[in-house]
N, C-alpha and C. Protein backbone atom coordinates (compact mmCIF):
# COMPACT_ATOMS: atom_id res chain seq x y z
N UNK A 1 54.06 -102.50 -47.61
CA UNK A 1 53.86 -103.16 -46.43
C UNK A 1 54.95 -104.38 -46.46
N UNK A 2 55.73 -104.33 -45.43
CA UNK A 2 56.76 -105.41 -45.32
C UNK A 2 56.19 -106.66 -44.67
N UNK A 3 56.77 -107.58 -44.95
CA UNK A 3 56.41 -108.94 -44.42
C UNK A 3 57.51 -109.85 -43.93
N UNK A 4 57.11 -110.84 -43.16
CA UNK A 4 58.21 -111.78 -42.75
C UNK A 4 59.13 -112.33 -43.86
N UNK A 5 58.55 -112.49 -45.06
CA UNK A 5 59.19 -113.01 -46.23
C UNK A 5 60.24 -111.82 -46.72
N UNK A 6 59.99 -110.73 -46.55
CA UNK A 6 60.94 -109.54 -46.88
C UNK A 6 62.07 -109.66 -45.82
N UNK A 7 61.76 -109.86 -44.64
CA UNK A 7 62.76 -109.95 -43.49
C UNK A 7 63.69 -111.07 -43.80
N UNK A 8 63.28 -112.35 -44.10
CA UNK A 8 63.87 -113.38 -44.54
C UNK A 8 64.88 -113.26 -45.73
N UNK A 9 64.39 -112.71 -46.68
CA UNK A 9 65.08 -112.49 -47.84
C UNK A 9 66.28 -111.52 -47.49
N UNK A 10 65.95 -110.47 -46.89
CA UNK A 10 66.99 -109.38 -46.57
C UNK A 10 68.16 -110.00 -45.59
N UNK A 11 67.58 -110.58 -44.56
CA UNK A 11 68.48 -111.20 -43.60
C UNK A 11 69.42 -112.27 -44.17
N UNK A 12 68.87 -113.09 -45.08
CA UNK A 12 69.76 -114.24 -45.65
C UNK A 12 70.42 -113.72 -46.70
N UNK A 13 70.48 -112.53 -47.16
CA UNK A 13 71.32 -111.93 -48.10
C UNK A 13 72.53 -111.35 -47.48
N UNK A 14 72.61 -111.18 -46.20
CA UNK A 14 73.62 -110.60 -45.62
C UNK A 14 74.83 -111.77 -45.09
N UNK A 15 75.99 -111.38 -45.16
CA UNK A 15 77.13 -112.40 -44.89
C UNK A 15 76.87 -113.16 -43.66
N UNK A 16 77.15 -114.60 -43.83
CA UNK A 16 77.20 -115.41 -42.84
C UNK A 16 75.93 -115.38 -41.88
N UNK A 17 74.82 -115.11 -42.48
CA UNK A 17 73.43 -115.11 -41.92
C UNK A 17 72.79 -116.64 -41.89
N UNK A 18 72.17 -117.01 -40.91
CA UNK A 18 71.58 -118.27 -40.93
C UNK A 18 70.13 -117.97 -40.28
N UNK A 19 69.14 -118.82 -40.64
CA UNK A 19 67.90 -118.89 -39.90
C UNK A 19 67.88 -120.09 -39.12
N UNK A 20 67.45 -119.99 -37.90
CA UNK A 20 67.31 -121.07 -36.93
C UNK A 20 66.10 -120.88 -36.02
N UNK A 21 65.65 -121.91 -35.32
CA UNK A 21 64.57 -121.82 -34.37
C UNK A 21 65.09 -121.17 -33.07
N UNK A 22 64.34 -120.45 -32.44
CA UNK A 22 64.68 -119.89 -30.95
C UNK A 22 63.49 -119.90 -30.24
N UNK A 23 63.34 -121.01 -29.43
CA UNK A 23 62.12 -121.42 -28.74
C UNK A 23 61.08 -121.36 -29.62
N UNK A 24 60.03 -120.72 -29.67
CA UNK A 24 58.78 -120.80 -30.57
C UNK A 24 58.87 -119.71 -31.51
N UNK A 25 60.00 -119.22 -31.68
CA UNK A 25 60.28 -118.19 -32.84
C UNK A 25 61.27 -118.53 -33.83
N UNK A 26 61.21 -117.79 -34.88
CA UNK A 26 62.11 -117.95 -36.05
C UNK A 26 63.43 -116.80 -35.47
N UNK A 27 64.57 -117.23 -35.70
CA UNK A 27 65.62 -116.29 -35.42
C UNK A 27 66.53 -116.17 -36.61
N UNK A 28 67.29 -115.05 -36.78
CA UNK A 28 68.14 -114.84 -37.78
C UNK A 28 69.55 -114.47 -37.06
N UNK A 29 70.56 -115.26 -37.44
CA UNK A 29 71.82 -114.95 -36.70
C UNK A 29 73.00 -114.94 -37.59
N UNK A 30 73.94 -114.06 -37.05
CA UNK A 30 75.14 -113.92 -37.63
C UNK A 30 76.24 -114.37 -36.70
N UNK A 31 77.08 -115.39 -37.33
CA UNK A 31 78.15 -115.82 -36.47
C UNK A 31 77.64 -116.49 -35.10
N UNK A 32 76.48 -116.98 -35.24
CA UNK A 32 75.65 -117.76 -34.05
C UNK A 32 74.96 -116.74 -33.22
N UNK A 33 75.05 -115.47 -33.45
CA UNK A 33 74.48 -114.46 -32.59
C UNK A 33 73.28 -113.94 -33.11
N UNK A 34 72.14 -114.00 -32.32
CA UNK A 34 70.81 -113.59 -32.76
C UNK A 34 70.85 -111.95 -33.04
N UNK A 35 70.25 -111.58 -34.40
CA UNK A 35 70.09 -110.05 -34.57
C UNK A 35 68.69 -109.82 -34.91
N UNK A 36 67.71 -110.94 -35.01
CA UNK A 36 66.39 -110.72 -35.25
C UNK A 36 65.68 -112.01 -34.81
N UNK A 37 64.38 -111.79 -34.38
CA UNK A 37 63.43 -112.79 -34.03
C UNK A 37 61.96 -112.37 -34.52
N UNK A 38 61.29 -113.53 -34.79
CA UNK A 38 59.93 -113.21 -35.32
C UNK A 38 59.08 -114.43 -34.87
N UNK A 39 57.77 -114.22 -34.51
CA UNK A 39 56.81 -115.07 -34.28
C UNK A 39 55.46 -114.74 -34.76
N UNK A 40 54.71 -115.72 -35.26
CA UNK A 40 53.36 -115.32 -35.87
C UNK A 40 52.64 -114.41 -34.88
N UNK A 41 52.07 -113.38 -35.36
CA UNK A 41 51.27 -112.58 -34.55
C UNK A 41 52.01 -111.64 -33.53
N UNK A 42 53.32 -111.59 -33.64
CA UNK A 42 54.10 -110.70 -32.92
C UNK A 42 54.97 -109.89 -33.74
N UNK A 43 55.37 -108.64 -33.08
CA UNK A 43 56.17 -107.77 -33.94
C UNK A 43 57.57 -108.44 -34.09
N UNK A 44 58.20 -107.92 -35.17
CA UNK A 44 59.61 -108.25 -35.39
C UNK A 44 60.58 -107.80 -34.38
N UNK A 45 61.38 -108.29 -33.83
CA UNK A 45 62.50 -107.82 -32.80
C UNK A 45 63.87 -107.75 -33.55
N UNK A 46 64.46 -106.78 -33.54
CA UNK A 46 65.80 -106.34 -34.09
C UNK A 46 66.63 -106.01 -32.99
N UNK A 47 67.79 -106.54 -32.86
CA UNK A 47 68.72 -106.15 -31.79
C UNK A 47 69.74 -105.02 -32.55
N UNK A 48 69.49 -103.66 -32.01
CA UNK A 48 70.23 -102.65 -32.40
C UNK A 48 71.12 -102.06 -31.45
N UNK A 49 71.91 -101.16 -31.85
CA UNK A 49 72.75 -100.37 -30.88
C UNK A 49 71.71 -99.36 -30.33
N UNK A 50 71.92 -99.26 -28.85
CA UNK A 50 71.06 -98.53 -28.19
C UNK A 50 70.75 -97.05 -28.66
N UNK A 51 72.07 -96.36 -29.17
CA UNK A 51 71.78 -95.17 -29.82
C UNK A 51 70.99 -95.03 -30.99
N UNK A 52 71.19 -96.05 -31.84
CA UNK A 52 70.27 -96.16 -33.07
C UNK A 52 68.76 -96.49 -32.74
N UNK A 53 68.70 -97.41 -31.71
CA UNK A 53 67.18 -97.50 -31.17
C UNK A 53 66.58 -96.31 -30.67
N UNK A 54 67.22 -95.48 -29.85
CA UNK A 54 66.67 -94.22 -29.45
C UNK A 54 66.35 -93.37 -30.61
N UNK A 55 67.19 -93.12 -31.63
CA UNK A 55 66.97 -92.23 -32.63
C UNK A 55 65.71 -92.85 -33.45
N UNK A 56 65.67 -94.07 -33.71
CA UNK A 56 64.63 -94.52 -34.43
C UNK A 56 63.20 -94.54 -33.76
N UNK A 57 63.20 -94.74 -32.51
CA UNK A 57 62.03 -94.65 -31.73
C UNK A 57 61.45 -93.20 -31.71
N UNK A 58 62.50 -92.20 -31.46
CA UNK A 58 62.00 -90.80 -31.55
C UNK A 58 61.46 -90.48 -33.00
N UNK A 59 61.92 -91.00 -33.98
CA UNK A 59 61.46 -90.78 -35.37
C UNK A 59 60.13 -91.42 -35.65
N UNK A 60 59.90 -92.58 -35.11
CA UNK A 60 58.72 -93.31 -35.65
C UNK A 60 58.32 -94.23 -34.43
N UNK A 61 57.72 -93.45 -33.29
CA UNK A 61 57.30 -94.19 -32.20
C UNK A 61 55.91 -95.16 -32.41
N UNK A 62 55.23 -94.89 -33.47
CA UNK A 62 54.05 -95.73 -33.62
C UNK A 62 54.41 -97.09 -34.28
N UNK A 63 55.61 -97.11 -34.94
CA UNK A 63 55.95 -98.60 -35.41
C UNK A 63 57.23 -99.11 -34.80
N UNK A 64 57.92 -98.31 -33.92
CA UNK A 64 59.21 -98.77 -33.60
C UNK A 64 59.34 -98.51 -31.87
N UNK A 65 59.54 -99.56 -31.13
CA UNK A 65 59.62 -99.38 -29.83
C UNK A 65 60.49 -100.41 -28.97
N UNK A 66 61.18 -99.89 -27.89
CA UNK A 66 62.14 -100.75 -27.27
C UNK A 66 61.35 -102.12 -26.64
N UNK A 67 61.93 -103.18 -26.63
CA UNK A 67 61.48 -104.28 -25.88
C UNK A 67 61.23 -103.81 -24.40
N UNK A 68 60.28 -104.33 -23.67
CA UNK A 68 60.29 -103.98 -22.23
C UNK A 68 61.52 -104.56 -21.52
N UNK A 69 61.88 -103.85 -20.39
CA UNK A 69 62.91 -104.51 -19.54
C UNK A 69 64.37 -104.23 -20.11
N UNK A 70 65.14 -105.14 -19.37
CA UNK A 70 66.64 -105.13 -19.78
C UNK A 70 67.03 -105.39 -21.13
N UNK A 71 66.31 -106.19 -21.83
CA UNK A 71 66.56 -106.37 -23.31
C UNK A 71 66.37 -105.08 -24.18
N UNK A 72 65.40 -104.52 -23.92
CA UNK A 72 65.15 -103.13 -24.44
C UNK A 72 66.11 -102.24 -24.06
N UNK A 73 66.78 -101.95 -22.97
CA UNK A 73 67.80 -101.12 -22.71
C UNK A 73 68.99 -101.48 -23.40
N UNK A 74 69.15 -102.85 -23.97
CA UNK A 74 70.35 -103.31 -24.40
C UNK A 74 70.21 -103.11 -26.00
N UNK A 75 69.03 -102.62 -26.45
CA UNK A 75 68.90 -102.37 -27.86
C UNK A 75 67.87 -103.07 -28.54
N UNK A 76 67.35 -104.32 -27.99
CA UNK A 76 66.20 -105.10 -28.57
C UNK A 76 65.12 -104.24 -28.78
N UNK A 77 64.43 -104.22 -29.90
CA UNK A 77 63.56 -103.23 -30.49
C UNK A 77 62.45 -103.94 -31.24
N UNK A 78 61.13 -103.72 -30.93
CA UNK A 78 60.07 -104.22 -31.68
C UNK A 78 59.73 -103.34 -32.77
N UNK A 79 59.54 -103.85 -34.05
CA UNK A 79 59.35 -103.23 -35.29
C UNK A 79 57.95 -103.79 -35.71
N UNK A 80 56.83 -102.87 -35.98
CA UNK A 80 55.61 -103.21 -36.47
C UNK A 80 55.67 -103.32 -37.97
N UNK A 81 55.65 -104.53 -38.54
CA UNK A 81 55.97 -104.69 -40.02
C UNK A 81 54.75 -104.30 -40.88
N UNK A 82 53.45 -104.37 -40.24
CA UNK A 82 52.29 -104.12 -41.18
C UNK A 82 52.40 -102.80 -41.98
N UNK A 83 52.84 -101.73 -41.40
CA UNK A 83 52.81 -100.42 -42.09
C UNK A 83 54.15 -99.99 -42.58
N UNK A 84 55.21 -100.82 -42.46
CA UNK A 84 56.53 -100.44 -42.74
C UNK A 84 56.91 -100.67 -44.30
N UNK A 85 57.55 -99.81 -44.88
CA UNK A 85 57.92 -99.78 -46.27
C UNK A 85 59.21 -100.72 -46.38
N UNK A 86 59.17 -101.56 -47.42
CA UNK A 86 60.31 -102.40 -47.63
C UNK A 86 61.69 -101.75 -47.56
N UNK A 87 61.79 -100.66 -48.08
CA UNK A 87 63.13 -99.79 -48.11
C UNK A 87 63.50 -99.57 -46.57
N UNK A 88 62.50 -98.99 -45.87
CA UNK A 88 62.87 -98.85 -44.49
C UNK A 88 63.24 -100.08 -43.59
N UNK A 89 62.54 -101.15 -43.91
CA UNK A 89 62.94 -102.51 -43.37
C UNK A 89 64.42 -102.74 -43.75
N UNK A 90 64.63 -102.78 -44.98
CA UNK A 90 66.26 -103.10 -45.30
C UNK A 90 67.15 -102.39 -44.52
N UNK A 91 66.82 -101.06 -44.26
CA UNK A 91 67.87 -100.26 -43.53
C UNK A 91 67.80 -100.79 -42.12
N UNK A 92 66.68 -101.16 -41.40
CA UNK A 92 66.69 -101.62 -40.03
C UNK A 92 67.40 -103.04 -39.99
N UNK A 93 67.10 -104.02 -40.89
CA UNK A 93 67.69 -105.31 -40.88
C UNK A 93 69.32 -104.95 -40.82
N UNK A 94 69.62 -104.27 -41.80
CA UNK A 94 71.20 -103.93 -41.88
C UNK A 94 71.76 -103.28 -40.74
N UNK A 95 71.14 -102.41 -39.99
CA UNK A 95 71.47 -101.94 -38.70
C UNK A 95 71.79 -103.13 -37.69
N UNK A 96 70.68 -103.90 -37.62
CA UNK A 96 70.68 -104.95 -36.56
C UNK A 96 71.79 -105.93 -36.85
N UNK A 97 71.93 -106.29 -38.25
CA UNK A 97 73.11 -107.23 -38.51
C UNK A 97 74.36 -106.51 -38.18
N UNK A 98 74.56 -105.27 -38.62
CA UNK A 98 75.93 -104.57 -38.24
C UNK A 98 76.19 -104.57 -36.63
N UNK A 99 75.04 -104.41 -35.92
CA UNK A 99 75.13 -104.27 -34.43
C UNK A 99 75.72 -105.60 -33.80
N UNK A 100 75.46 -106.79 -34.61
CA UNK A 100 75.68 -107.95 -34.05
C UNK A 100 76.87 -108.72 -34.59
N UNK A 101 77.15 -108.45 -35.95
CA UNK A 101 78.27 -109.14 -36.73
C UNK A 101 79.63 -108.82 -36.27
N UNK A 102 80.48 -109.81 -36.40
CA UNK A 102 81.71 -109.51 -35.97
C UNK A 102 82.42 -108.28 -36.87
N UNK A 103 83.31 -107.53 -36.30
CA UNK A 103 83.92 -106.50 -37.26
C UNK A 103 84.59 -107.06 -38.32
N UNK A 104 85.00 -108.29 -38.40
CA UNK A 104 85.66 -108.70 -39.83
C UNK A 104 84.76 -108.85 -40.80
N UNK A 105 83.31 -109.00 -40.51
CA UNK A 105 82.42 -109.03 -41.58
C UNK A 105 81.93 -107.79 -42.24
N UNK A 106 82.21 -106.64 -41.49
CA UNK A 106 81.65 -105.39 -41.82
C UNK A 106 82.28 -104.82 -43.09
N UNK A 107 83.49 -105.31 -43.43
CA UNK A 107 84.13 -104.86 -44.58
C UNK A 107 83.37 -105.60 -45.88
N UNK A 108 82.66 -106.74 -45.72
CA UNK A 108 81.97 -107.16 -46.74
C UNK A 108 80.75 -106.47 -47.04
N UNK A 109 80.31 -105.48 -46.34
CA UNK A 109 79.29 -104.44 -46.55
C UNK A 109 79.65 -103.14 -46.83
N UNK A 110 81.08 -102.92 -47.11
CA UNK A 110 81.58 -101.66 -47.12
C UNK A 110 81.84 -100.81 -45.96
N UNK A 111 81.93 -101.52 -44.68
CA UNK A 111 82.16 -100.66 -43.41
C UNK A 111 83.26 -101.14 -42.82
N UNK A 112 83.91 -100.24 -42.22
CA UNK A 112 85.19 -100.57 -41.51
C UNK A 112 85.00 -100.81 -40.11
């Protein structure tokens, strides 16, 4: 079972990531751009590429769903942490970071 502490540890291990408040939520940002938000009692929100979102939702619709409305069409995705394996969470957090981070930072994770 993954927790917000796992999210925090994974997110903050990525280059130039910071944790900051976003209204009543916790947000994780890279170069000041949000790639994840969380509030107690709510699912984790990750900002993914729309194509990645579609593939992930198709694979795991019980735990992964688009945010309703325009934000969901732009890749914002709800993730149910309660039954998610930590290894799967790591993949999802890295995808969200990569979708948001400037290209210059991708090399630091071995991406061109």
